[in-house]
Amino acid sequence: MTTDSTPRLLRTAEGSDLVLTRTFRAPIDDVWASVTEPERTARWFGPWEGQAAPGRTIKVRLAFEEETPWCEMHIDLCEPPRLLAVSTSDEAGDWHLELRLSETGGRTELQLVQHLTGAEGVGEIGPGWEYYLDMLVASRDGTATPSFGDYYPARKAQFEELAAGI
C-alpha cells in the first residue's frame, strides 16, 4: 500500500527541506491527537514517555525499526493543534522535523517537514517518512499496515531525482 504522494525538496538558506503531505477527512484536533498522544503514536510510529512541553525532552520508542530502540527527542516548539517541531540526534546525524497541520472544510492537511543541511541521504530518508506517514493513514483508517519493502528501496530513485533537481 502506498498513498498517492507528491514529495517536494525545497532549497533553503540552510540547505533543503523535504516536505511530505497527507490529507485526512477529519478535524484538526483529531489528527493532532494522532501525532501527539502516546497511545495513538504507538500505532504508527512508537509510544513515547516523559513530560512533553517546549524545551523538554521525551523518550520515543521507534516501534517499527529493527530492535525497537528508544531515542531522545527534544520538543523545540509546540503550538497545538497546528505545529510541532522536534529534534534528535543519532548515528545518522541530526534530525530537525516539523509537523504542520491546517484544516479547511473538515479536511486536515498534515505536512511533515525535515530540515536538511543538504540533499544527501534523501533517497533513504524520503521513503522512510513516506512509509511512516502511510502507517499513520492505516492506523487512522483501520486498513492494512504497509510493507516497508514497498517504500525502500522501491522509491529510492524517486527521491534521488528530487535531490538532483536542487
N, C-alpha and C. Protein backbone atom coordinates (compact mmCIF):
# COMPACT_ATOMS: atom_id res chain seq x y z
N MET A 1 0.84 -1.18 0.00
CA MET A 1 0.00 0.00 0.00
C MET A 1 0.88 1.24 0.00
N THR A 2 0.69 2.10 -0.93
CA THR A 2 1.31 3.42 -0.87
C THR A 2 0.25 4.45 -1.18
N THR A 3 0.30 5.55 -0.48
CA THR A 3 -0.64 6.63 -0.70
C THR A 3 -0.11 7.51 -1.81
N ASP A 4 -1.02 8.03 -2.63
CA ASP A 4 -0.58 8.99 -3.62
C ASP A 4 0.07 10.15 -2.90
N SER A 5 1.27 10.47 -3.33
CA SER A 5 2.04 11.49 -2.63
C SER A 5 2.91 12.20 -3.64
N THR A 6 3.08 13.47 -3.43
CA THR A 6 3.97 14.26 -4.26
C THR A 6 5.00 14.92 -3.35
N PRO A 7 6.08 14.18 -3.05
CA PRO A 7 7.09 14.76 -2.17
C PRO A 7 7.78 15.94 -2.85
N ARG A 8 8.21 16.89 -2.01
CA ARG A 8 8.93 18.05 -2.53
C ARG A 8 10.22 18.21 -1.77
N LEU A 9 11.24 18.68 -2.45
CA LEU A 9 12.50 19.03 -1.83
C LEU A 9 12.78 20.47 -2.21
N LEU A 10 12.77 21.34 -1.22
CA LEU A 10 12.88 22.77 -1.45
C LEU A 10 14.22 23.28 -0.96
N ARG A 11 14.87 24.10 -1.75
CA ARG A 11 16.13 24.72 -1.32
C ARG A 11 15.82 25.77 -0.26
N THR A 12 16.65 25.82 0.77
CA THR A 12 16.53 26.84 1.81
C THR A 12 17.90 27.48 2.02
N ALA A 13 17.94 28.54 2.79
CA ALA A 13 19.21 29.21 3.08
C ALA A 13 20.16 28.28 3.84
N GLU A 14 19.60 27.35 4.63
CA GLU A 14 20.43 26.44 5.42
C GLU A 14 20.70 25.11 4.74
N GLY A 15 20.03 24.83 3.62
CA GLY A 15 20.19 23.54 2.94
C GLY A 15 18.98 23.22 2.11
N SER A 16 18.13 22.30 2.63
CA SER A 16 16.90 21.95 1.92
C SER A 16 15.87 21.42 2.91
N ASP A 17 14.61 21.49 2.50
CA ASP A 17 13.50 20.95 3.28
C ASP A 17 12.82 19.87 2.47
N LEU A 18 12.72 18.69 3.05
CA LEU A 18 11.93 17.62 2.49
C LEU A 18 10.52 17.77 3.03
N VAL A 19 9.53 17.88 2.14
CA VAL A 19 8.14 18.12 2.54
C VAL A 19 7.26 16.99 2.01
N LEU A 20 6.56 16.32 2.92
CA LEU A 20 5.65 15.23 2.58
C LEU A 20 4.29 15.56 3.17
N THR A 21 3.23 15.30 2.42
CA THR A 21 1.90 15.75 2.81
C THR A 21 0.90 14.59 2.80
N ARG A 22 0.00 14.60 3.76
CA ARG A 22 -1.16 13.72 3.76
C ARG A 22 -2.38 14.56 4.13
N THR A 23 -3.52 14.18 3.58
CA THR A 23 -4.78 14.87 3.88
C THR A 23 -5.75 13.87 4.48
N PHE A 24 -6.42 14.29 5.54
CA PHE A 24 -7.35 13.43 6.27
C PHE A 24 -8.73 14.07 6.30
N ARG A 25 -9.75 13.26 6.16
CA ARG A 25 -11.13 13.72 6.34
C ARG A 25 -11.45 13.64 7.82
N ALA A 26 -10.90 14.60 8.53
CA ALA A 26 -11.04 14.61 10.00
C ALA A 26 -10.71 16.01 10.50
N PRO A 27 -11.27 16.36 11.65
CA PRO A 27 -10.94 17.66 12.24
C PRO A 27 -9.48 17.71 12.68
N ILE A 28 -8.93 18.90 12.69
CA ILE A 28 -7.53 19.10 13.03
C ILE A 28 -7.19 18.55 14.42
N ASP A 29 -8.10 18.71 15.40
CA ASP A 29 -7.82 18.24 16.75
C ASP A 29 -7.65 16.72 16.80
N ASP A 30 -8.40 16.00 15.98
CA ASP A 30 -8.28 14.55 15.94
C ASP A 30 -6.96 14.12 15.31
N VAL A 31 -6.57 14.78 14.23
CA VAL A 31 -5.29 14.45 13.60
C VAL A 31 -4.15 14.82 14.55
N TRP A 32 -4.26 15.97 15.22
CA TRP A 32 -3.25 16.38 16.20
C TRP A 32 -3.08 15.29 17.27
N ALA A 33 -4.18 14.75 17.75
CA ALA A 33 -4.11 13.69 18.76
C ALA A 33 -3.37 12.46 18.21
N SER A 34 -3.56 12.16 16.93
CA SER A 34 -2.88 11.01 16.32
C SER A 34 -1.37 11.17 16.28
N VAL A 35 -0.89 12.41 16.27
CA VAL A 35 0.55 12.64 16.17
C VAL A 35 1.18 13.09 17.49
N THR A 36 0.36 13.21 18.54
CA THR A 36 0.92 13.68 19.81
C THR A 36 0.59 12.80 21.02
N GLU A 37 -0.47 12.04 21.00
CA GLU A 37 -0.84 11.21 22.15
C GLU A 37 -0.11 9.87 22.08
N PRO A 38 0.60 9.48 23.15
CA PRO A 38 1.46 8.29 23.08
C PRO A 38 0.73 7.00 22.71
N GLU A 39 -0.51 6.83 23.16
CA GLU A 39 -1.22 5.60 22.81
C GLU A 39 -1.59 5.59 21.33
N ARG A 40 -1.70 6.75 20.71
CA ARG A 40 -2.02 6.83 19.28
C ARG A 40 -0.75 6.81 18.43
N THR A 41 0.32 7.47 18.89
CA THR A 41 1.57 7.39 18.12
C THR A 41 2.13 5.98 18.13
N ALA A 42 1.79 5.20 19.17
CA ALA A 42 2.26 3.81 19.26
C ALA A 42 1.75 2.97 18.10
N ARG A 43 0.63 3.34 17.52
CA ARG A 43 0.02 2.58 16.42
C ARG A 43 0.76 2.72 15.09
N TRP A 44 1.52 3.82 14.94
CA TRP A 44 2.11 4.06 13.62
C TRP A 44 3.58 4.46 13.68
N PHE A 45 4.08 4.86 14.81
CA PHE A 45 5.47 5.30 14.93
C PHE A 45 6.14 4.68 16.15
N GLY A 46 5.52 4.89 17.27
CA GLY A 46 6.02 4.34 18.53
C GLY A 46 5.50 5.15 19.69
N PRO A 47 5.43 4.52 20.87
CA PRO A 47 4.99 5.25 22.05
C PRO A 47 6.08 6.18 22.55
N TRP A 48 5.69 7.11 23.37
CA TRP A 48 6.68 7.99 23.99
C TRP A 48 6.33 8.18 25.45
N GLU A 49 7.34 8.60 26.21
CA GLU A 49 7.12 8.86 27.63
C GLU A 49 7.90 10.09 28.05
N GLY A 50 7.45 10.70 29.11
CA GLY A 50 8.09 11.90 29.63
C GLY A 50 7.11 13.05 29.72
N GLN A 51 7.61 14.19 30.15
CA GLN A 51 6.82 15.40 30.27
C GLN A 51 6.95 16.21 28.99
N ALA A 52 5.96 16.15 28.14
CA ALA A 52 6.01 16.84 26.85
C ALA A 52 5.69 18.31 27.01
N ALA A 53 6.62 19.15 26.60
CA ALA A 53 6.44 20.60 26.61
C ALA A 53 7.61 21.21 25.84
N PRO A 54 7.42 22.39 25.27
CA PRO A 54 8.53 23.04 24.57
C PRO A 54 9.74 23.17 25.50
N GLY A 55 10.90 22.84 24.96
CA GLY A 55 12.13 22.91 25.72
C GLY A 55 12.44 21.65 26.50
N ARG A 56 11.54 20.69 26.51
CA ARG A 56 11.74 19.44 27.25
C ARG A 56 12.11 18.32 26.29
N THR A 57 12.60 17.24 26.86
CA THR A 57 12.99 16.07 26.08
C THR A 57 12.15 14.88 26.52
N ILE A 58 11.64 14.15 25.53
CA ILE A 58 10.88 12.93 25.79
C ILE A 58 11.66 11.75 25.23
N LYS A 59 11.28 10.55 25.63
CA LYS A 59 11.86 9.33 25.08
C LYS A 59 10.82 8.70 24.16
N VAL A 60 11.25 8.34 22.96
CA VAL A 60 10.36 7.74 21.97
C VAL A 60 10.88 6.36 21.61
N ARG A 61 10.01 5.39 21.60
CA ARG A 61 10.38 4.05 21.17
C ARG A 61 10.07 3.93 19.69
N LEU A 62 11.07 3.66 18.90
CA LEU A 62 10.90 3.51 17.45
C LEU A 62 10.41 2.09 17.18
N ALA A 63 9.10 1.90 17.35
CA ALA A 63 8.49 0.58 17.38
C ALA A 63 8.56 -0.19 16.07
N PHE A 64 8.82 0.48 14.97
CA PHE A 64 8.82 -0.20 13.69
C PHE A 64 10.22 -0.25 13.07
N GLU A 65 11.24 0.01 13.88
CA GLU A 65 12.63 -0.10 13.47
C GLU A 65 13.22 -1.39 14.04
N GLU A 66 14.30 -1.86 13.44
CA GLU A 66 14.96 -3.05 13.97
C GLU A 66 15.35 -2.82 15.42
N GLU A 67 15.10 -3.82 16.25
CA GLU A 67 15.42 -3.80 17.67
C GLU A 67 14.62 -2.77 18.47
N THR A 68 13.67 -2.11 17.85
CA THR A 68 12.78 -1.13 18.50
C THR A 68 13.50 -0.26 19.54
N PRO A 69 14.49 0.50 19.09
CA PRO A 69 15.28 1.30 20.04
C PRO A 69 14.49 2.49 20.60
N TRP A 70 14.94 2.98 21.73
CA TRP A 70 14.44 4.22 22.31
C TRP A 70 15.37 5.34 21.88
N CYS A 71 14.82 6.52 21.66
CA CYS A 71 15.66 7.69 21.37
C CYS A 71 15.09 8.89 22.12
N GLU A 72 15.96 9.84 22.37
CA GLU A 72 15.52 11.08 22.99
C GLU A 72 15.13 12.07 21.91
N MET A 73 14.02 12.74 22.12
CA MET A 73 13.53 13.71 21.16
C MET A 73 13.24 15.01 21.91
N HIS A 74 13.86 16.08 21.47
CA HIS A 74 13.68 17.39 22.09
C HIS A 74 12.51 18.10 21.43
N ILE A 75 11.62 18.65 22.23
CA ILE A 75 10.48 19.41 21.70
C ILE A 75 10.93 20.86 21.57
N ASP A 76 11.15 21.28 20.35
CA ASP A 76 11.62 22.62 20.08
C ASP A 76 10.49 23.65 20.14
N LEU A 77 9.32 23.26 19.64
CA LEU A 77 8.18 24.17 19.56
C LEU A 77 6.91 23.33 19.53
N CYS A 78 5.88 23.80 20.22
CA CYS A 78 4.60 23.10 20.21
C CYS A 78 3.49 24.14 20.29
N GLU A 79 2.72 24.24 19.21
CA GLU A 79 1.60 25.17 19.12
C GLU A 79 0.35 24.39 18.70
N PRO A 80 -0.28 23.68 19.68
CA PRO A 80 -1.44 22.86 19.35
C PRO A 80 -2.55 23.68 18.71
N PRO A 81 -3.26 23.15 17.77
CA PRO A 81 -3.06 21.88 17.07
C PRO A 81 -2.40 22.07 15.70
N ARG A 82 -1.54 23.06 15.59
CA ARG A 82 -1.02 23.42 14.26
C ARG A 82 0.45 23.12 14.00
N LEU A 83 1.29 23.09 15.03
CA LEU A 83 2.72 22.97 14.78
C LEU A 83 3.41 22.22 15.92
N LEU A 84 4.21 21.24 15.53
CA LEU A 84 5.09 20.54 16.45
C LEU A 84 6.45 20.45 15.79
N ALA A 85 7.47 20.99 16.44
CA ALA A 85 8.84 20.93 15.93
C ALA A 85 9.68 20.17 16.94
N VAL A 86 10.41 19.17 16.47
CA VAL A 86 11.24 18.34 17.33
C VAL A 86 12.61 18.14 16.70
N SER A 87 13.56 17.76 17.54
CA SER A 87 14.90 17.44 17.02
C SER A 87 15.47 16.28 17.81
N THR A 88 16.34 15.54 17.16
CA THR A 88 17.00 14.41 17.76
C THR A 88 18.32 14.17 17.04
N SER A 89 19.19 13.42 17.65
CA SER A 89 20.47 13.06 17.04
C SER A 89 20.67 11.57 17.19
N ASP A 90 21.27 10.97 16.16
CA ASP A 90 21.65 9.57 16.23
C ASP A 90 22.88 9.35 15.36
N GLU A 91 23.24 8.10 15.16
CA GLU A 91 24.44 7.81 14.37
C GLU A 91 24.33 8.32 12.92
N ALA A 92 23.12 8.55 12.45
CA ALA A 92 22.93 9.07 11.09
C ALA A 92 23.03 10.59 11.04
N GLY A 93 23.05 11.25 12.20
CA GLY A 93 23.19 12.71 12.22
C GLY A 93 22.12 13.38 13.04
N ASP A 94 21.96 14.67 12.79
CA ASP A 94 20.96 15.48 13.48
C ASP A 94 19.69 15.53 12.64
N TRP A 95 18.55 15.40 13.29
CA TRP A 95 17.25 15.39 12.64
C TRP A 95 16.43 16.55 13.20
N HIS A 96 15.96 17.42 12.31
CA HIS A 96 15.10 18.55 12.69
C HIS A 96 13.81 18.40 11.89
N LEU A 97 12.71 18.18 12.60
CA LEU A 97 11.44 17.84 11.98
C LEU A 97 10.34 18.77 12.44
N GLU A 98 9.38 19.00 11.55
CA GLU A 98 8.17 19.74 11.90
C GLU A 98 6.96 18.98 11.39
N LEU A 99 5.90 19.01 12.16
CA LEU A 99 4.59 18.59 11.70
C LEU A 99 3.73 19.85 11.69
N ARG A 100 3.24 20.18 10.50
CA ARG A 100 2.39 21.37 10.32
C ARG A 100 1.01 20.91 9.91
N LEU A 101 0.00 21.36 10.62
CA LEU A 101 -1.37 20.96 10.34
C LEU A 101 -2.22 22.18 10.03
N SER A 102 -3.15 22.00 9.09
CA SER A 102 -4.11 23.05 8.76
C SER A 102 -5.43 22.37 8.39
N GLU A 103 -6.53 23.05 8.67
CA GLU A 103 -7.85 22.48 8.40
C GLU A 103 -8.66 23.41 7.53
N THR A 104 -9.31 22.81 6.53
CA THR A 104 -10.21 23.54 5.66
C THR A 104 -11.39 22.62 5.35
N GLY A 105 -12.59 23.09 5.66
CA GLY A 105 -13.80 22.34 5.30
C GLY A 105 -13.84 20.93 5.82
N GLY A 106 -13.40 20.69 7.05
CA GLY A 106 -13.45 19.36 7.63
C GLY A 106 -12.34 18.43 7.19
N ARG A 107 -11.40 18.94 6.42
CA ARG A 107 -10.25 18.16 5.97
C ARG A 107 -8.99 18.76 6.59
N THR A 108 -8.14 17.91 7.09
CA THR A 108 -6.91 18.37 7.71
C THR A 108 -5.72 17.92 6.87
N GLU A 109 -4.89 18.90 6.54
CA GLU A 109 -3.65 18.60 5.83
C GLU A 109 -2.52 18.56 6.85
N LEU A 110 -1.73 17.52 6.78
CA LEU A 110 -0.55 17.37 7.62
C LEU A 110 0.67 17.40 6.70
N GLN A 111 1.59 18.27 7.01
CA GLN A 111 2.87 18.30 6.31
C GLN A 111 3.96 17.88 7.28
N LEU A 112 4.74 16.90 6.88
CA LEU A 112 5.94 16.55 7.61
C LEU A 112 7.09 17.23 6.88
N VAL A 113 7.86 18.02 7.60
CA VAL A 113 8.99 18.74 7.01
C VAL A 113 10.25 18.31 7.75
N GLN A 114 11.21 17.81 7.00
CA GLN A 114 12.52 17.55 7.59
C GLN A 114 13.49 18.58 7.04
N HIS A 115 14.09 19.33 7.95
CA HIS A 115 15.07 20.34 7.59
C HIS A 115 16.43 19.65 7.45
N LEU A 116 16.99 19.74 6.26
CA LEU A 116 18.26 19.08 5.95
C LEU A 116 19.33 20.12 5.67
N THR A 117 20.57 19.78 5.95
CA THR A 117 21.66 20.70 5.62
C THR A 117 22.03 20.61 4.15
N GLY A 118 21.60 19.59 3.48
CA GLY A 118 21.85 19.40 2.04
C GLY A 118 20.81 18.42 1.51
N ALA A 119 21.15 17.71 0.47
CA ALA A 119 20.21 16.74 -0.09
C ALA A 119 20.75 15.31 0.05
N GLU A 120 21.87 15.15 0.76
CA GLU A 120 22.45 13.83 0.93
C GLU A 120 21.50 12.94 1.71
N GLY A 121 21.40 11.71 1.29
CA GLY A 121 20.59 10.73 2.01
C GLY A 121 19.11 10.80 1.77
N VAL A 122 18.66 11.71 0.91
CA VAL A 122 17.22 11.84 0.66
C VAL A 122 16.64 10.55 0.08
N GLY A 123 17.44 9.80 -0.66
CA GLY A 123 16.99 8.53 -1.23
C GLY A 123 16.63 7.50 -0.17
N GLU A 124 17.21 7.62 1.01
CA GLU A 124 16.88 6.74 2.12
C GLU A 124 15.84 7.37 3.05
N ILE A 125 16.00 8.65 3.31
CA ILE A 125 15.14 9.35 4.27
C ILE A 125 13.70 9.46 3.75
N GLY A 126 13.55 9.90 2.52
CA GLY A 126 12.21 10.13 1.96
C GLY A 126 11.32 8.91 1.99
N PRO A 127 11.78 7.77 1.46
CA PRO A 127 10.92 6.59 1.51
C PRO A 127 10.55 6.17 2.93
N GLY A 128 11.47 6.37 3.86
CA GLY A 128 11.17 6.04 5.25
C GLY A 128 10.03 6.87 5.81
N TRP A 129 10.08 8.19 5.55
CA TRP A 129 8.99 9.04 6.04
C TRP A 129 7.68 8.75 5.32
N GLU A 130 7.74 8.42 4.02
CA GLU A 130 6.51 8.05 3.30
C GLU A 130 5.89 6.82 3.97
N TYR A 131 6.72 5.85 4.31
CA TYR A 131 6.25 4.65 5.00
C TYR A 131 5.56 5.02 6.31
N TYR A 132 6.21 5.84 7.13
CA TYR A 132 5.61 6.21 8.42
C TYR A 132 4.31 6.99 8.24
N LEU A 133 4.26 7.88 7.28
CA LEU A 133 3.01 8.62 7.06
C LEU A 133 1.90 7.69 6.60
N ASP A 134 2.22 6.71 5.77
CA ASP A 134 1.20 5.74 5.37
C ASP A 134 0.82 4.82 6.53
N MET A 135 1.76 4.59 7.47
CA MET A 135 1.42 3.86 8.70
C MET A 135 0.40 4.68 9.49
N LEU A 136 0.60 6.01 9.54
CA LEU A 136 -0.37 6.89 10.20
C LEU A 136 -1.73 6.78 9.53
N VAL A 137 -1.76 6.84 8.21
CA VAL A 137 -3.02 6.71 7.48
C VAL A 137 -3.70 5.38 7.83
N ALA A 138 -2.95 4.29 7.78
CA ALA A 138 -3.51 2.96 8.07
C ALA A 138 -4.02 2.88 9.50
N SER A 139 -3.30 3.49 10.44
CA SER A 139 -3.74 3.44 11.85
C SER A 139 -5.04 4.19 12.04
N ARG A 140 -5.23 5.25 11.29
CA ARG A 140 -6.45 6.05 11.40
C ARG A 140 -7.62 5.40 10.67
N ASP A 141 -7.33 4.78 9.50
CA ASP A 141 -8.38 4.20 8.67
C ASP A 141 -8.73 2.76 9.05
N GLY A 142 -7.86 2.12 9.83
CA GLY A 142 -8.07 0.72 10.15
C GLY A 142 -7.76 -0.19 8.98
N THR A 143 -6.92 0.29 8.06
CA THR A 143 -6.55 -0.51 6.89
C THR A 143 -5.25 -1.27 7.17
N ALA A 144 -4.88 -2.13 6.25
CA ALA A 144 -3.69 -2.96 6.41
C ALA A 144 -2.43 -2.12 6.56
N THR A 145 -1.53 -2.60 7.39
CA THR A 145 -0.25 -1.95 7.60
C THR A 145 0.59 -2.09 6.33
N PRO A 146 1.20 -1.01 5.86
CA PRO A 146 2.02 -1.11 4.65
C PRO A 146 3.29 -1.91 4.91
N SER A 147 3.88 -2.37 3.83
CA SER A 147 5.14 -3.10 3.89
C SER A 147 6.28 -2.14 3.56
N PHE A 148 7.32 -2.12 4.39
CA PHE A 148 8.44 -1.21 4.17
C PHE A 148 9.09 -1.45 2.81
N GLY A 149 9.07 -2.69 2.32
CA GLY A 149 9.65 -3.00 1.01
C GLY A 149 8.98 -2.28 -0.14
N ASP A 150 7.76 -1.82 0.06
CA ASP A 150 7.08 -1.04 -0.98
C ASP A 150 7.62 0.39 -1.06
N TYR A 151 8.43 0.77 -0.09
CA TYR A 151 8.95 2.13 0.00
C TYR A 151 10.46 2.18 -0.25
N TYR A 152 11.16 1.25 0.41
CA TYR A 152 12.61 1.24 0.25
C TYR A 152 13.06 -0.18 -0.01
N PRO A 153 13.79 -0.40 -1.08
CA PRO A 153 14.41 0.57 -1.98
C PRO A 153 13.53 1.00 -3.15
N ALA A 154 12.28 0.56 -3.16
CA ALA A 154 11.39 0.79 -4.30
C ALA A 154 11.28 2.26 -4.71
N ARG A 155 11.32 3.20 -3.76
CA ARG A 155 11.13 4.62 -4.10
C ARG A 155 12.40 5.45 -3.95
N LYS A 156 13.51 4.79 -3.74
CA LYS A 156 14.78 5.49 -3.55
C LYS A 156 15.10 6.40 -4.74
N ALA A 157 14.96 5.88 -5.95
CA ALA A 157 15.30 6.66 -7.15
C ALA A 157 14.44 7.92 -7.27
N GLN A 158 13.17 7.84 -6.91
CA GLN A 158 12.27 9.00 -6.97
C GLN A 158 12.83 10.13 -6.11
N PHE A 159 13.29 9.80 -4.92
CA PHE A 159 13.81 10.84 -4.03
C PHE A 159 15.19 11.32 -4.46
N GLU A 160 15.97 10.44 -5.02
CA GLU A 160 17.28 10.86 -5.54
C GLU A 160 17.12 11.83 -6.70
N GLU A 161 16.08 11.65 -7.51
CA GLU A 161 15.79 12.59 -8.59
C GLU A 161 15.42 13.96 -8.03
N LEU A 162 14.68 13.97 -6.94
CA LEU A 162 14.37 15.26 -6.30
C LEU A 162 15.66 15.96 -5.87
N ALA A 163 16.58 15.22 -5.29
CA ALA A 163 17.83 15.78 -4.83
C ALA A 163 18.67 16.30 -5.98
N ALA A 164 18.64 15.61 -7.10
CA ALA A 164 19.41 16.05 -8.26
C ALA A 164 18.87 17.35 -8.83
N GLY A 165 17.59 17.62 -8.58
CA GLY A 165 16.95 18.80 -9.14
C GLY A 165 17.15 20.08 -8.35
N ILE A 166 17.81 20.01 -7.21
CA ILE A 166 18.00 21.27 -6.46
C ILE A 166 19.44 21.71 -6.44
